[in-house]
Protein backbone atom coordinates (compact mmCIF):
# COMPACT_ATOMS: atom_id res chain seq x y z
CA MET A 1 -82.04 38.82 -0.08
CA PHE A 2 -81.84 39.42 3.63
CA ARG A 3 -83.69 42.19 5.24
CA ARG A 4 -82.91 43.71 8.59
CA VAL A 5 -85.97 44.97 9.70
CA ASP A 6 -84.37 46.01 13.09
CA LEU A 7 -82.55 48.67 10.91
CA ASP A 8 -85.03 50.18 8.71
CA GLY A 9 -85.37 47.51 6.06
CA PHE A 10 -81.65 47.60 5.00
CA GLU A 11 -81.04 44.94 2.47
CA VAL A 12 -78.08 42.61 2.02
CA GLU A 13 -77.85 40.38 -1.11
CA ALA A 14 -77.05 36.99 -0.71
CA ILE A 15 -74.22 37.17 -3.86
CA GLY A 16 -70.39 36.79 -3.79
CA ARG A 17 -69.34 40.11 -3.05
CA ASN A 18 -70.96 40.44 0.19
CA VAL A 19 -69.53 37.47 1.56
CA ALA A 20 -67.72 38.80 4.71
CA ARG A 21 -66.35 35.54 6.57
CA VAL A 22 -66.56 31.63 5.94
CA SER A 23 -64.76 30.43 8.97
CA TYR A 24 -67.06 28.34 10.92
CA ALA A 25 -69.93 30.29 9.54
CA THR A 26 -70.99 32.25 6.53
CA SER A 27 -71.58 35.95 7.18
CA LEU A 28 -72.59 38.42 4.83
CA MET A 29 -72.12 42.03 5.07
CA LYS A 30 -72.89 45.29 2.92
CA LYS A 31 -72.09 48.72 4.55
CA SER A 32 -70.79 47.46 7.77
CA VAL A 33 -74.41 45.37 7.93
CA LEU A 34 -73.71 42.07 9.34
CA ILE A 35 -75.79 38.93 8.48
CA SER A 36 -74.31 36.16 10.25
CA THR A 37 -74.80 32.13 9.94
CA THR A 38 -76.55 32.14 6.77
CA GLU A 39 -75.10 28.96 5.61
CA HIS A 40 -78.08 26.48 6.72
CA LEU A 41 -80.69 28.58 5.47
CA LEU A 42 -78.74 29.46 2.02
CA SER A 43 -78.58 25.43 1.58
CA ALA A 44 -81.87 25.08 2.41
CA LEU A 45 -83.22 27.42 -0.44
CA ILE A 46 -80.90 26.16 -2.97
CA GLY A 47 -81.80 22.45 -1.86
CA THR A 48 -85.57 23.53 -2.52
CA GLY A 49 -84.75 25.06 -5.58
CA ILE A 50 -85.54 28.59 -4.36
CA ASP A 51 -83.42 31.30 -5.96
CA ASN A 52 -85.56 34.46 -5.25
CA ALA A 53 -86.52 34.98 -1.54
CA ILE A 54 -86.66 37.78 1.27
CA VAL A 55 -85.64 36.40 4.27
CA GLU A 56 -86.74 39.21 6.93
CA LEU A 57 -84.68 39.50 10.30
CA ASP A 58 -84.59 41.53 13.54
CA ASN A 59 -80.73 40.64 14.42
CA LEU A 60 -77.54 39.98 12.99
CA GLU A 61 -77.63 36.39 13.22
CA LEU A 62 -80.14 33.64 11.94
CA PRO A 63 -80.93 31.24 14.35
CA ILE A 64 -78.62 27.83 14.05
CA LEU A 65 -81.50 25.88 15.11
CA ASP A 66 -80.47 21.98 15.42
CA GLY A 67 -76.99 22.93 13.17
CA SER A 68 -78.44 21.69 10.13
CA ALA A 69 -80.66 22.97 7.00
CA ARG A 70 -83.39 20.49 7.80
CA PRO A 71 -85.72 22.81 10.03
CA PHE A 72 -85.54 25.46 7.19
CA VAL A 73 -86.23 22.97 4.78
CA ASP A 74 -89.14 21.76 6.58
CA ALA A 75 -90.25 25.16 7.14
CA ILE A 76 -90.09 26.00 3.53
CA LEU A 77 -92.10 22.64 2.42
CA LYS A 78 -94.82 23.51 5.05
CA SER A 79 -95.17 27.29 3.89
CA GLY A 80 -95.10 26.29 -0.07
CA ILE A 81 -93.21 27.18 -3.11
CA ARG A 82 -94.65 29.28 -5.54
CA LYS A 83 -93.29 29.46 -9.12
CA GLN A 84 -92.52 32.68 -10.31
CA ARG A 85 -93.67 34.30 -14.14
CA ARG A 86 -90.64 35.33 -14.96
CA PRO A 87 -88.15 32.77 -17.07
CA ARG A 88 -84.85 32.08 -14.66
CA THR A 89 -81.75 32.94 -16.13
CA TYR A 90 -78.79 30.31 -16.06
CA LEU A 91 -75.04 30.58 -16.31
CA ARG A 92 -73.44 28.38 -18.41
CA MET A 93 -69.96 27.05 -17.72
CA ARG A 94 -68.24 26.64 -21.27
CA ARG A 95 -64.84 25.79 -19.35
CA GLU A 96 -63.79 24.57 -16.10
CA VAL A 97 -62.46 26.72 -13.64
CA GLU A 98 -60.51 25.83 -10.72
CA ILE A 99 -59.19 27.97 -7.60
CA ARG A 100 -56.73 26.19 -5.41
CA GLU A 101 -54.96 27.40 -1.98
CA GLY A 102 -52.53 25.16 -0.50
CA ASP A 103 -54.28 21.49 -0.38
CA LYS A 104 -57.71 23.10 -0.73
CA PHE A 105 -59.79 23.70 -3.92
CA ILE A 106 -62.90 24.75 -5.28
CA ALA A 107 -63.93 23.95 -8.83
CA VAL A 108 -66.70 24.34 -11.50
CA TYR A 109 -66.89 21.86 -14.54
CA PRO A 110 -69.12 22.03 -17.69
CA ALA A 111 -71.87 19.35 -17.58
CA ASP A 112 -75.49 18.67 -18.87
CA SER A 113 -77.02 18.30 -15.68
CA TYR A 114 -76.79 19.77 -12.08
CA SER A 115 -74.49 17.95 -9.58
CA VAL A 116 -72.52 19.13 -6.45
CA SER A 117 -69.73 16.96 -5.07
């Protein structure tokens, strides 16, 4: 979840329905409040196994840094990761799902282990 401290702590969840734009950068929006350039931080969070975090910012855009997720990964690893008591919930894919638009597509397939390509 992203929290805009410059807007009285307004929160924008990093969920599909809040995706506003994905052309060159991934932007989230809720009730006209925009959070831009989230893709590198979100990649760092998922890559380090974090699925529950509050990111506070005082601007509409996250810093681009070096243009990769690496600085975010380094900062996450330096600060440490804490396991939480509540068990995770998972989505189980029972059948394949594909969405195509022209020559582009995204798909999810059932598997016994986590894999992204």
